Amino acid sequence: MMGKKGTKEPMFFYVTLEDLVPQDHFLRKVAEVVDFSFVRNKVKHLYSHTGKPSVDPVVLIKIMLIGYLYGIVSERRLMQEIQVNLAYRYFIGYTMEEDIPDHSTLSRNRNERFKDSTFQELFDEIVFQCQKYGLVSGEDISFDSTLVEANASLDSLEPRMVHLRPDEYIKKVTEENPVDHDSSEKEGPNKKNNSKRAKLSNKDHVSKTDPDASIIRKPGKKTKLAYSDHLSVDTKERIITGVMATPADVSDDKPLIPMLKRQSKKFGFKPQKVSADKKYGTGRNFKKLTDMGTEAFIPVQKYTNKKGLFDQDKFGYSPKEDVFICPEGKKLKFFRYGKTKETKRYRAENTDCLTCPQRPECTTSKNGRMVNRSIYQELIDEAKNRMDTPKGKRAAKKRMTTSETINAEAKTYHGLSRCRYRGQEKAQIQFLMTATAQNIKRMVQAVMRERERAQAIAMESYETVIASASKVIKAFCPKIFNYQGAVEVS
């Protein structure tokens, strides 16, 4: 006879979350490995000593972590998921009868109570716990950055308010809004929109919904508003040790030294090696790293002549005379420093260039060919040679499996493909919480792996002891063994 499932509710339940949540569930392991008791001490000063008890701050932090661990970007949806997910309830310590906090409680605490330094302290504490488990050495650090699309569209852009004379203002408005009736009739709406966006720049435009975000334009990709998520990763167990959110137009080389110094002070790191891609390879960074006693495995930025003329590599340099020698054997002498005083500029004699047979391939300037040399050039050359060694090639390959893969993982599994909120401060919170969730994953995996290895060794040792004991007993007390070789129990 075919059965039919009924929907009658029982009067009493005789099960608990402890019974229903699988023993191997990831959140069980997180609760076992990660100590969240520090949260109350960190936020104690943010609460009043009187009044109605609030939602436990540990619960609020755990709820946020669930969202980042499982890529749930909407706080409304997050609370709905916790309402019905037994493992989530188990993790935050709520029984099946308890009401889950409203999503507005989570939003208010994130925006008001916890907005100052709570999330940075949470991130730091997880790194400290990773250190206690031996997962962070602080000796080999890898840097990388990734663009994260801002929570604002290009339609929110407006001209920056600048102090201009009336005639200058009218001229600027006319230039940005040309009237061409013939072309407007011929061109479609997409062409007009694309030509308008091609003129957008951070110097002249700002988003009214997210003023901190920057316009970013990359070849082959659409123009968008974005932030940069700068990461530093300890290569031992791929634990993220530093996070910094900046507008997308901030060059990648800028945060490297400040981030490294903060980690050295906060966690007691003594970095021996630093690896990154060529965007970080500036002379100033090489100088700072050398002063810190850190070996840099960073490719050197190579500048090619866009006009199709001779690259600077065609010119030899004479340290004794402090001059460059062109392919025709003429000297280019130092004549002044660049704007930052970190670049020396060398120029050939005008008469030498005018009569040079290779002039069309060398320069189009009337004043003669000019080349630049960094005041840190010796350090730059050392870094370039270091990357060509086997050690440098290993460092480059290792970087590809640490910081670069972590950024890809954050976007794929943890909701970092787009900013959840607006403003640099809130972008920093999102980046910190994403990194914290990734660190917790790695910490749990590493600790469980070590425990399994220890149990396997202990079991192997136990079996060895039993086998040895059996041999001894069999040798000296053969009567204890029966005819099948088994120990008699009586």
Protein backbone atom coordinates (compact mmCIF):
# COMPACT_ATOMS: atom_id res chain seq x y z
CA MET A 1 0.00 0.00 0.00
CA MET A 2 1.37 3.42 -0.96
CA GLY A 3 2.05 5.67 2.02
CA LYS A 4 1.26 9.35 2.31
CA LYS A 5 3.26 11.78 4.48
CA GLY A 6 1.21 13.81 6.91
CA THR A 7 1.99 17.24 8.33
CA LYS A 8 0.71 16.85 11.89
CA GLU A 9 2.83 18.76 14.41
CA PRO A 10 3.89 16.81 17.51
CA MET A 11 3.01 18.29 20.88
CA PHE A 12 6.51 17.86 22.31
CA PHE A 13 10.00 17.71 20.82
CA TYR A 14 12.66 15.47 22.30
CA VAL A 15 15.64 16.64 20.24
CA THR A 16 18.23 19.39 20.66
CA LEU A 17 20.46 21.29 18.24
CA GLU A 18 23.35 19.23 19.58
CA ASP A 19 21.60 16.15 18.19
CA LEU A 20 20.58 17.69 14.88
CA VAL A 21 23.76 19.49 13.76
CA PRO A 22 26.22 17.03 12.12
CA GLN A 23 29.35 16.36 14.15
CA ASP A 24 31.60 17.22 11.21
CA HIS A 25 29.85 20.53 10.34
CA PHE A 26 32.31 23.35 9.71
CA LEU A 27 30.69 25.71 12.25
CA ARG A 28 31.14 23.09 14.98
CA LYS A 29 34.86 23.13 14.23
CA VAL A 30 34.93 26.95 14.28
CA ALA A 31 33.25 26.99 17.71
CA GLU A 32 35.80 24.46 18.94
CA VAL A 33 38.94 26.11 17.53
CA VAL A 34 38.28 29.88 17.66
CA ASP A 35 38.01 31.67 21.00
CA PHE A 36 35.47 34.51 20.74
CA SER A 37 35.49 35.42 24.44
CA PHE A 38 37.77 38.39 23.74
CA VAL A 39 34.94 40.24 21.97
CA ARG A 40 33.21 41.32 25.20
CA ASN A 41 36.39 42.84 26.60
CA LYS A 42 37.06 44.68 23.35
CA VAL A 43 33.60 46.31 23.22
CA LYS A 44 32.86 46.64 26.94
CA HIS A 45 33.48 50.40 26.87
CA LEU A 46 30.82 50.83 24.18
CA TYR A 47 27.94 49.70 26.45
CA SER A 48 26.17 51.41 29.34
CA HIS A 49 26.23 49.95 32.88
CA THR A 50 22.49 50.43 33.26
CA GLY A 51 19.36 49.72 31.24
CA LYS A 52 17.97 46.70 29.44
CA PRO A 53 20.51 43.99 28.51
CA SER A 54 21.49 44.15 24.86
CA VAL A 55 22.04 41.35 22.39
CA ASP A 56 25.31 39.65 23.27
CA PRO A 57 28.08 41.31 21.16
CA VAL A 58 29.62 37.86 20.60
CA VAL A 59 26.35 36.82 18.95
CA LEU A 60 26.38 39.89 16.69
CA ILE A 61 29.97 39.24 15.60
CA LYS A 62 29.23 35.58 14.95
CA ILE A 63 26.17 36.52 12.87
CA MET A 64 28.30 38.86 10.74
CA LEU A 65 30.92 36.14 10.31
CA ILE A 66 28.28 33.69 9.07
CA GLY A 67 27.42 36.19 6.33
CA TYR A 68 31.05 36.52 5.27
CA LEU A 69 31.86 32.81 5.58
CA TYR A 70 28.96 31.80 3.36
CA GLY A 71 28.86 34.83 1.04
CA ILE A 72 25.46 36.13 2.21
CA VAL A 73 25.66 39.83 1.33
CA SER A 74 22.17 40.93 2.42
CA GLU A 75 21.63 41.36 6.17
CA ARG A 76 17.88 40.78 5.78
CA ARG A 77 18.52 37.49 4.02
CA LEU A 78 21.20 36.59 6.56
CA MET A 79 18.73 36.82 9.46
CA GLN A 80 16.18 34.79 7.47
CA GLU A 81 18.79 32.08 6.90
CA ILE A 82 19.70 31.98 10.59
CA GLN A 83 15.98 31.67 11.42
CA VAL A 84 15.73 28.34 9.57
CA ASN A 85 19.31 26.99 9.59
CA LEU A 86 19.99 24.77 12.61
CA ALA A 87 23.77 24.94 12.26
CA TYR A 88 23.67 28.75 12.25
CA ARG A 89 21.52 28.73 15.39
CA TYR A 90 23.90 26.29 17.04
CA PHE A 91 26.89 28.50 16.20
CA ILE A 92 25.38 31.68 17.73
CA GLY A 93 24.04 29.74 20.75
CA TYR A 94 20.31 30.19 20.10
CA THR A 95 17.86 27.36 20.72
CA MET A 96 14.98 26.51 18.38
CA GLU A 97 12.52 28.36 20.64
CA GLU A 98 14.47 31.63 20.82
CA ASP A 99 13.66 34.58 18.55
CA ILE A 100 16.48 35.69 16.27
CA PRO A 101 17.48 39.40 16.55
CA ASP A 102 16.05 41.70 13.90
CA HIS A 103 18.26 42.69 10.98
CA SER A 104 18.01 46.35 12.06
CA THR A 105 19.77 45.47 15.33
CA LEU A 106 22.68 44.11 13.33
CA SER A 107 22.77 47.18 11.06
CA ARG A 108 22.66 49.68 13.94
CA ASN A 109 25.48 48.00 15.82
CA ARG A 110 27.62 47.77 12.68
CA ASN A 111 27.03 51.40 11.69
CA GLU A 112 27.11 53.03 15.13
CA ARG A 113 28.50 51.02 18.03
CA PHE A 114 31.17 48.96 16.26
CA LYS A 115 32.19 51.42 13.56
CA ASP A 116 35.43 52.79 15.07
CA SER A 117 38.02 50.05 15.67
CA THR A 118 36.06 46.93 16.58
CA PHE A 119 36.54 45.18 13.25
CA GLN A 120 40.25 45.97 13.11
CA GLU A 121 40.66 44.58 16.64
CA LEU A 122 38.68 41.48 15.67
CA PHE A 123 40.94 40.92 12.66
CA ASP A 124 44.08 41.45 14.77
CA GLU A 125 42.90 39.04 17.47
CA ILE A 126 42.31 36.27 14.93
CA VAL A 127 45.85 36.81 13.60
CA PHE A 128 47.13 36.54 17.21
CA GLN A 129 45.28 33.25 17.62
CA CYS A 130 46.82 32.01 14.37
CA GLN A 131 50.22 32.92 15.83
CA LYS A 132 49.49 30.87 18.96
CA TYR A 133 48.70 27.86 16.79
CA GLY A 134 52.01 28.35 14.97
CA LEU A 135 50.41 29.25 11.64
CA VAL A 136 52.14 32.64 11.23
CA SER A 137 55.88 33.26 11.20
CA GLY A 138 56.03 36.85 9.95
CA GLU A 139 59.22 36.10 8.01
CA ASP A 140 57.91 35.75 4.45
CA ILE A 141 55.16 38.21 3.47
CA SER A 142 53.41 38.43 0.09
CA PHE A 143 51.50 41.52 -1.09
CA ASP A 144 48.77 41.92 -3.67
CA SER A 145 45.72 44.08 -4.39
CA THR A 146 42.42 43.66 -6.17
CA LEU A 147 39.78 46.06 -7.45
CA VAL A 148 36.36 45.89 -5.79
CA GLU A 149 33.49 47.61 -7.57
CA ALA A 150 31.92 50.38 -5.50
CA ASN A 151 28.24 50.39 -4.56
CA ALA A 152 27.60 53.33 -6.90
CA SER A 153 27.09 53.78 -10.63
CA LEU A 154 28.71 56.16 -13.08
CA ASP A 155 25.36 57.94 -13.32
CA SER A 156 26.00 59.29 -9.81
CA LEU A 157 29.02 61.31 -11.02
CA GLU A 158 28.90 65.08 -10.98
CA PRO A 159 31.52 67.79 -11.64
CA ARG A 160 33.70 68.66 -8.68
CA MET A 161 33.08 72.09 -7.17
CA VAL A 162 36.15 74.15 -7.97
CA HIS A 163 36.84 77.85 -7.65
CA LEU A 164 36.63 79.26 -11.17
CA ARG A 165 35.98 82.68 -12.58
CA PRO A 166 32.62 83.00 -14.37
CA ASP A 167 34.25 83.01 -17.81
CA GLU A 168 36.32 79.93 -16.90
CA TYR A 169 33.23 78.15 -15.62
CA ILE A 170 31.26 78.89 -18.82
CA LYS A 171 34.17 77.68 -20.93
CA LYS A 172 34.45 74.45 -18.92
CA VAL A 173 30.70 73.76 -19.15
CA THR A 174 30.79 74.37 -22.92
CA GLU A 175 33.73 71.98 -23.35
CA GLU A 176 32.06 69.21 -21.32
CA ASN A 177 28.66 69.64 -23.00
CA PRO A 178 29.28 70.28 -26.71
CA VAL A 179 26.26 70.96 -28.91
CA ASP A 180 26.45 69.17 -32.24
CA HIS A 181 23.03 68.61 -33.77
CA ASP A 182 24.33 66.75 -36.81
CA SER A 183 26.38 64.23 -34.85
CA SER A 184 23.64 63.73 -32.26
CA GLU A 185 21.23 62.69 -34.96
CA LYS A 186 23.67 60.24 -36.52
CA GLU A 187 25.04 58.68 -33.35
CA GLY A 188 23.05 56.26 -31.25
CA PRO A 189 22.54 56.62 -27.48
CA ASN A 190 25.31 54.13 -26.68
CA LYS A 191 27.89 56.11 -28.66
CA LYS A 192 26.95 59.35 -26.90
CA ASN A 193 27.15 57.65 -23.52
CA ASN A 194 30.53 56.05 -24.27
CA SER A 195 32.07 59.30 -25.52
CA LYS A 196 30.83 61.10 -22.42
CA ARG A 197 32.26 58.45 -20.09
CA ALA A 198 35.59 58.50 -21.91
CA LYS A 199 36.07 62.06 -20.64
CA LEU A 200 35.40 61.19 -16.99
CA SER A 201 38.31 61.71 -14.60
CA ASN A 202 38.83 61.70 -10.85
CA LYS A 203 40.25 65.19 -11.05
CA ASP A 204 37.06 66.70 -12.47
CA HIS A 205 34.29 64.33 -11.27
CA VAL A 206 33.08 62.80 -8.02
CA SER A 207 30.25 60.42 -7.14
CA LYS A 208 27.51 62.05 -5.09
CA THR A 209 26.50 58.68 -3.59
CA ASP A 210 30.03 57.48 -2.77
CA PRO A 211 32.52 60.38 -2.87
CA ASP A 212 35.42 58.17 -1.72
CA ALA A 213 35.23 55.82 -4.70
CA SER A 214 37.45 56.42 -7.74
CA ILE A 215 36.84 56.12 -11.46
CA ILE A 216 38.91 53.28 -12.86
CA ARG A 217 39.36 52.46 -16.52
CA LYS A 218 41.26 49.38 -17.71
CA PRO A 219 41.85 48.24 -21.29
CA GLY A 220 39.19 45.82 -22.44
CA LYS A 221 37.02 46.37 -19.36
CA LYS A 222 34.19 48.72 -18.57
CA THR A 223 34.76 51.99 -16.74
CA LYS A 224 33.53 51.80 -13.15
CA LEU A 225 33.78 53.25 -9.66
CA ALA A 226 35.91 51.10 -7.39
CA TYR A 227 38.12 50.65 -4.35
CA SER A 228 41.41 48.76 -4.02
CA ASP A 229 41.71 46.00 -1.43
CA HIS A 230 45.40 45.74 -0.46
CA LEU A 231 46.43 42.50 1.25
CA SER A 232 49.53 41.10 2.88
CA VAL A 233 49.72 37.34 3.41
CA ASP A 234 52.06 35.23 5.50
CA THR A 235 53.15 32.47 3.13
CA LYS A 236 53.52 29.76 5.81
CA GLU A 237 49.80 28.89 5.99
CA ARG A 238 48.42 31.70 3.80
CA ILE A 239 47.11 33.73 6.74
CA ILE A 240 46.17 37.33 5.87
CA THR A 241 48.14 39.67 8.13
CA GLY A 242 47.16 43.09 6.81
CA VAL A 243 44.23 44.77 5.03
CA MET A 244 43.89 48.31 3.68
CA ALA A 245 41.08 49.87 1.64
CA THR A 246 41.97 52.78 -0.63
CA PRO A 247 40.31 54.53 -3.57
CA ALA A 248 41.09 52.68 -6.79
CA ASP A 249 43.33 55.45 -8.14
CA VAL A 250 45.86 55.07 -5.30
CA SER A 251 48.90 53.30 -6.76
CA ASP A 252 49.64 49.86 -5.31
CA ASP A 253 53.16 50.71 -4.18
CA LYS A 254 51.98 53.32 -1.64
CA PRO A 255 50.49 51.05 1.10
CA LEU A 256 53.31 48.46 1.14
CA ILE A 257 55.66 50.06 3.67
CA PRO A 258 52.94 51.45 6.05
CA MET A 259 51.26 48.02 6.15
CA LEU A 260 54.55 46.24 6.77
CA LYS A 261 55.54 48.62 9.57
CA ARG A 262 52.18 48.25 11.29
CA GLN A 263 52.43 44.46 11.28
CA SER A 264 55.97 44.53 12.59
CA LYS A 265 54.83 46.73 15.48
CA LYS A 266 51.52 44.98 16.16
CA PHE A 267 52.48 41.32 15.79
CA GLY A 268 56.23 41.51 16.34
CA PHE A 269 57.05 40.43 12.80
CA LYS A 270 60.63 40.47 11.55
CA PRO A 271 60.11 40.03 7.80
CA GLN A 272 63.06 38.49 6.01
CA LYS A 273 61.44 38.35 2.56
CA VAL A 274 58.72 40.38 0.84
CA SER A 275 57.24 39.39 -2.52
CA ALA A 276 54.84 41.31 -4.75
CA ASP A 277 54.16 42.01 -8.42
CA LYS A 278 55.85 44.71 -10.47
CA LYS A 279 53.35 47.42 -9.45
CA TYR A 280 55.16 47.50 -6.10
CA GLY A 281 58.63 47.66 -7.67
CA THR A 282 59.60 51.28 -7.06
CA GLY A 283 62.97 52.59 -5.99
CA ARG A 284 61.55 54.08 -2.81
CA ASN A 285 60.10 50.71 -1.74
CA PHE A 286 63.42 48.97 -2.42
CA LYS A 287 65.20 51.57 -0.28
CA LYS A 288 62.74 51.26 2.62
CA LEU A 289 62.87 47.45 2.54
CA THR A 290 66.65 47.49 2.48
CA ASP A 291 66.68 49.81 5.52
CA MET A 292 64.38 47.35 7.32
CA GLY A 293 66.75 44.47 6.57
CA THR A 294 64.18 42.81 4.28
CA GLU A 295 64.99 41.09 1.00
CA ALA A 296 62.65 42.23 -1.79
CA PHE A 297 61.46 39.73 -4.40
CA ILE A 298 59.60 42.24 -6.54
CA PRO A 299 59.95 42.58 -10.33
CA VAL A 300 61.16 45.98 -11.50
CA GLN A 301 58.76 48.18 -13.42
CA LYS A 302 59.89 48.42 -17.03
CA TYR A 303 59.00 51.54 -19.00
CA THR A 304 58.86 51.28 -22.77
CA ASN A 305 58.86 54.21 -25.15
CA LYS A 306 55.31 54.53 -26.46
CA LYS A 307 56.46 56.49 -29.51
CA GLY A 308 58.38 53.52 -30.89
CA LEU A 309 61.74 55.17 -30.20
CA PHE A 310 64.82 53.67 -28.55
CA ASP A 311 64.18 52.42 -25.02
CA GLN A 312 66.49 53.54 -22.25
CA ASP A 313 68.10 50.09 -22.24
CA LYS A 314 69.91 51.11 -25.44
CA PHE A 315 71.93 53.63 -23.41
CA GLY A 316 74.87 52.53 -21.31
CA TYR A 317 75.71 54.22 -18.00
CA SER A 318 79.19 55.19 -16.77
CA PRO A 319 79.21 55.47 -12.94
CA LYS A 320 82.62 57.17 -12.86
CA GLU A 321 81.63 60.04 -15.12
CA ASP A 322 77.93 59.94 -14.18
CA VAL A 323 76.90 60.06 -17.84
CA PHE A 324 74.90 57.92 -20.26
CA ILE A 325 76.39 56.76 -23.56
CA CYS A 326 74.02 56.64 -26.55
CA PRO A 327 74.25 53.98 -29.35
CA GLU A 328 76.40 56.43 -31.36
CA GLY A 329 78.87 56.87 -28.49
CA LYS A 330 77.73 60.39 -27.52
CA LYS A 331 77.44 61.43 -23.87
CA LEU A 332 74.23 62.44 -22.13
CA LYS A 333 75.08 64.59 -19.10
CA PHE A 334 73.10 65.29 -15.94
CA PHE A 335 71.25 68.60 -16.10
CA ARG A 336 68.56 68.56 -13.36
CA TYR A 337 66.42 66.53 -10.93
CA GLY A 338 62.79 65.54 -11.48
CA LYS A 339 59.88 66.95 -9.50
CA THR A 340 60.18 64.38 -6.68
CA LYS A 341 63.98 64.78 -6.41
CA GLU A 342 64.20 60.99 -6.77
CA THR A 343 64.99 61.06 -10.50
CA LYS A 344 68.08 62.44 -12.22
CA ARG A 345 67.66 63.61 -15.80
CA TYR A 346 70.35 63.41 -18.45
CA ARG A 347 70.32 65.14 -21.83
CA ALA A 348 72.45 64.95 -24.95
CA GLU A 349 73.97 67.98 -26.60
CA ASN A 350 71.62 69.46 -29.18
CA THR A 351 74.35 69.54 -31.80
CA ASP A 352 75.08 65.83 -31.30
CA CYS A 353 71.43 64.91 -31.90
CA LEU A 354 71.02 67.17 -34.95
CA THR A 355 73.80 65.41 -36.85
CA CYS A 356 73.03 61.89 -35.55
CA PRO A 357 72.12 59.33 -38.28
CA GLN A 358 69.85 57.46 -35.78
CA ARG A 359 67.92 60.56 -34.72
CA PRO A 360 64.57 59.42 -36.27
CA GLU A 361 64.68 56.24 -34.16
CA CYS A 362 65.95 58.02 -31.03
CA THR A 363 64.13 61.32 -30.40
CA THR A 364 61.69 63.85 -31.80
CA SER A 365 62.72 66.59 -29.38
CA LYS A 366 64.45 69.71 -30.65
CA ASN A 367 66.51 69.87 -27.45
CA GLY A 368 68.04 66.42 -27.82
CA ARG A 369 67.37 62.99 -26.29
CA MET A 370 66.74 62.80 -22.54
CA VAL A 371 66.91 59.77 -20.23
CA ASN A 372 66.17 59.34 -16.52
CA ARG A 373 67.96 57.52 -13.74
CA SER A 374 66.56 56.87 -10.28
CA ILE A 375 68.64 57.84 -7.26
CA TYR A 376 67.87 54.27 -6.08
CA GLN A 377 69.07 52.71 -9.33
CA GLU A 378 71.65 50.46 -7.67
CA LEU A 379 68.94 48.94 -5.45
CA ILE A 380 66.67 48.58 -8.47
CA ASP A 381 69.39 46.73 -10.38
CA GLU A 382 69.97 44.43 -7.38
CA ALA A 383 66.26 43.63 -7.21
CA LYS A 384 66.16 42.91 -10.94
CA ASN A 385 69.13 40.53 -10.69
CA ARG A 386 67.61 38.86 -7.61
CA MET A 387 64.43 37.99 -9.50
CA ASP A 388 66.51 36.13 -12.12
CA THR A 389 67.95 33.77 -9.52
CA PRO A 390 66.34 30.38 -8.64
CA LYS A 391 65.33 31.85 -5.28
CA GLY A 392 63.59 34.74 -7.01
CA LYS A 393 61.73 32.44 -9.39
CA ARG A 394 60.54 30.31 -6.47
CA ALA A 395 59.32 33.42 -4.67
CA ALA A 396 57.38 34.56 -7.76
CA LYS A 397 55.74 31.15 -8.13
CA LYS A 398 54.90 31.04 -4.43
CA ARG A 399 53.25 34.46 -4.59
CA MET A 400 50.90 33.23 -7.30
CA THR A 401 49.52 30.57 -4.92
CA THR A 402 49.21 32.85 -1.87
CA SER A 403 48.01 36.45 -2.12
CA GLU A 404 46.72 36.19 -5.70
CA THR A 405 44.60 33.08 -5.08
CA ILE A 406 43.26 34.54 -1.82
CA ASN A 407 41.88 37.55 -3.68
CA ALA A 408 40.19 35.25 -6.20
CA GLU A 409 38.75 33.16 -3.38
CA ALA A 410 37.34 36.25 -1.64
CA LYS A 411 35.50 37.33 -4.77
CA THR A 412 34.20 33.88 -5.65
CA TYR A 413 33.06 32.60 -2.25
CA HIS A 414 32.88 35.53 0.18
CA GLY A 415 31.00 38.25 -1.66
CA LEU A 416 33.92 40.58 -2.41
CA SER A 417 33.04 41.12 -6.06
CA ARG A 418 31.22 44.32 -5.07
CA CYS A 419 31.17 46.64 -2.06
CA ARG A 420 28.19 46.08 0.24
CA TYR A 421 28.20 49.60 1.63
CA ARG A 422 29.39 53.07 0.66
CA GLY A 423 32.41 55.03 1.80
CA GLN A 424 36.05 54.10 2.38
CA GLU A 425 35.51 53.46 6.08
CA LYS A 426 32.78 50.90 5.39
CA ALA A 427 34.80 49.37 2.56
CA GLN A 428 37.58 48.83 5.11
CA ILE A 429 35.09 47.04 7.39
CA GLN A 430 33.99 44.73 4.57
CA PHE A 431 37.58 43.96 3.56
CA LEU A 432 38.56 43.27 7.19
CA MET A 433 35.61 40.96 7.81
CA THR A 434 36.21 39.09 4.55
CA ALA A 435 39.86 38.58 5.50
CA THR A 436 38.85 37.51 9.04
CA ALA A 437 36.49 34.87 7.60
CA GLN A 438 39.24 33.57 5.32
CA ASN A 439 41.71 33.42 8.21
CA ILE A 440 39.22 31.50 10.36
CA LYS A 441 38.76 28.97 7.55
CA ARG A 442 42.48 28.39 7.29
CA MET A 443 42.99 28.29 11.03
CA VAL A 444 40.28 25.66 11.48
CA GLN A 445 41.57 23.56 8.58
CA ALA A 446 45.17 23.70 9.83
CA VAL A 447 44.29 22.90 13.45
CA MET A 448 42.02 20.00 12.49
CA ARG A 449 44.67 18.67 10.15
CA GLU A 450 47.25 18.71 12.94
CA ARG A 451 44.86 17.01 15.35
CA GLU A 452 44.12 14.26 12.86
CA ARG A 453 47.84 13.79 12.29
CA ALA A 454 48.47 13.63 16.05
CA GLN A 455 45.67 11.10 16.50
CA ALA A 456 47.05 8.98 13.68
CA ILE A 457 50.53 9.01 15.26
CA ALA A 458 49.06 8.19 18.67
CA MET A 459 47.04 5.30 17.22
CA GLU A 460 50.07 4.02 15.37
CA SER A 461 52.11 4.18 18.57
CA TYR A 462 49.33 2.42 20.49
CA GLU A 463 49.16 -0.41 17.95
CA THR A 464 52.96 -0.72 18.03
CA VAL A 465 52.92 -1.00 21.83
CA ILE A 466 50.15 -3.63 21.74
CA ALA A 467 52.00 -5.64 19.10
CA SER A 468 55.26 -5.48 21.09
CA ALA A 469 53.50 -6.49 24.29
CA SER A 470 51.85 -9.41 22.54
CA LYS A 471 55.24 -10.67 21.32
CA VAL A 472 56.72 -10.48 24.82
CA ILE A 473 53.76 -12.26 26.38
CA LYS A 474 53.81 -14.94 23.71
CA ALA A 475 57.55 -15.49 24.17
CA PHE A 476 57.57 -15.75 27.96
CA CYS A 477 54.01 -16.95 28.68
CA PRO A 478 52.99 -19.15 25.75
CA LYS A 479 50.25 -20.86 27.78
CA ILE A 480 48.29 -17.62 27.89
CA PHE A 481 47.71 -17.91 24.12
CA ASN A 482 45.23 -20.47 22.84
CA TYR A 483 45.80 -22.63 19.81
CA GLN A 484 44.55 -19.86 17.46
CA GLY A 485 47.10 -17.35 18.79
CA ALA A 486 44.47 -15.26 20.62
CA VAL A 487 44.89 -14.15 24.22
CA GLU A 488 42.70 -16.14 26.66
CA VAL A 489 40.36 -13.86 28.56
CA SER A 490 39.63 -16.14 31.56
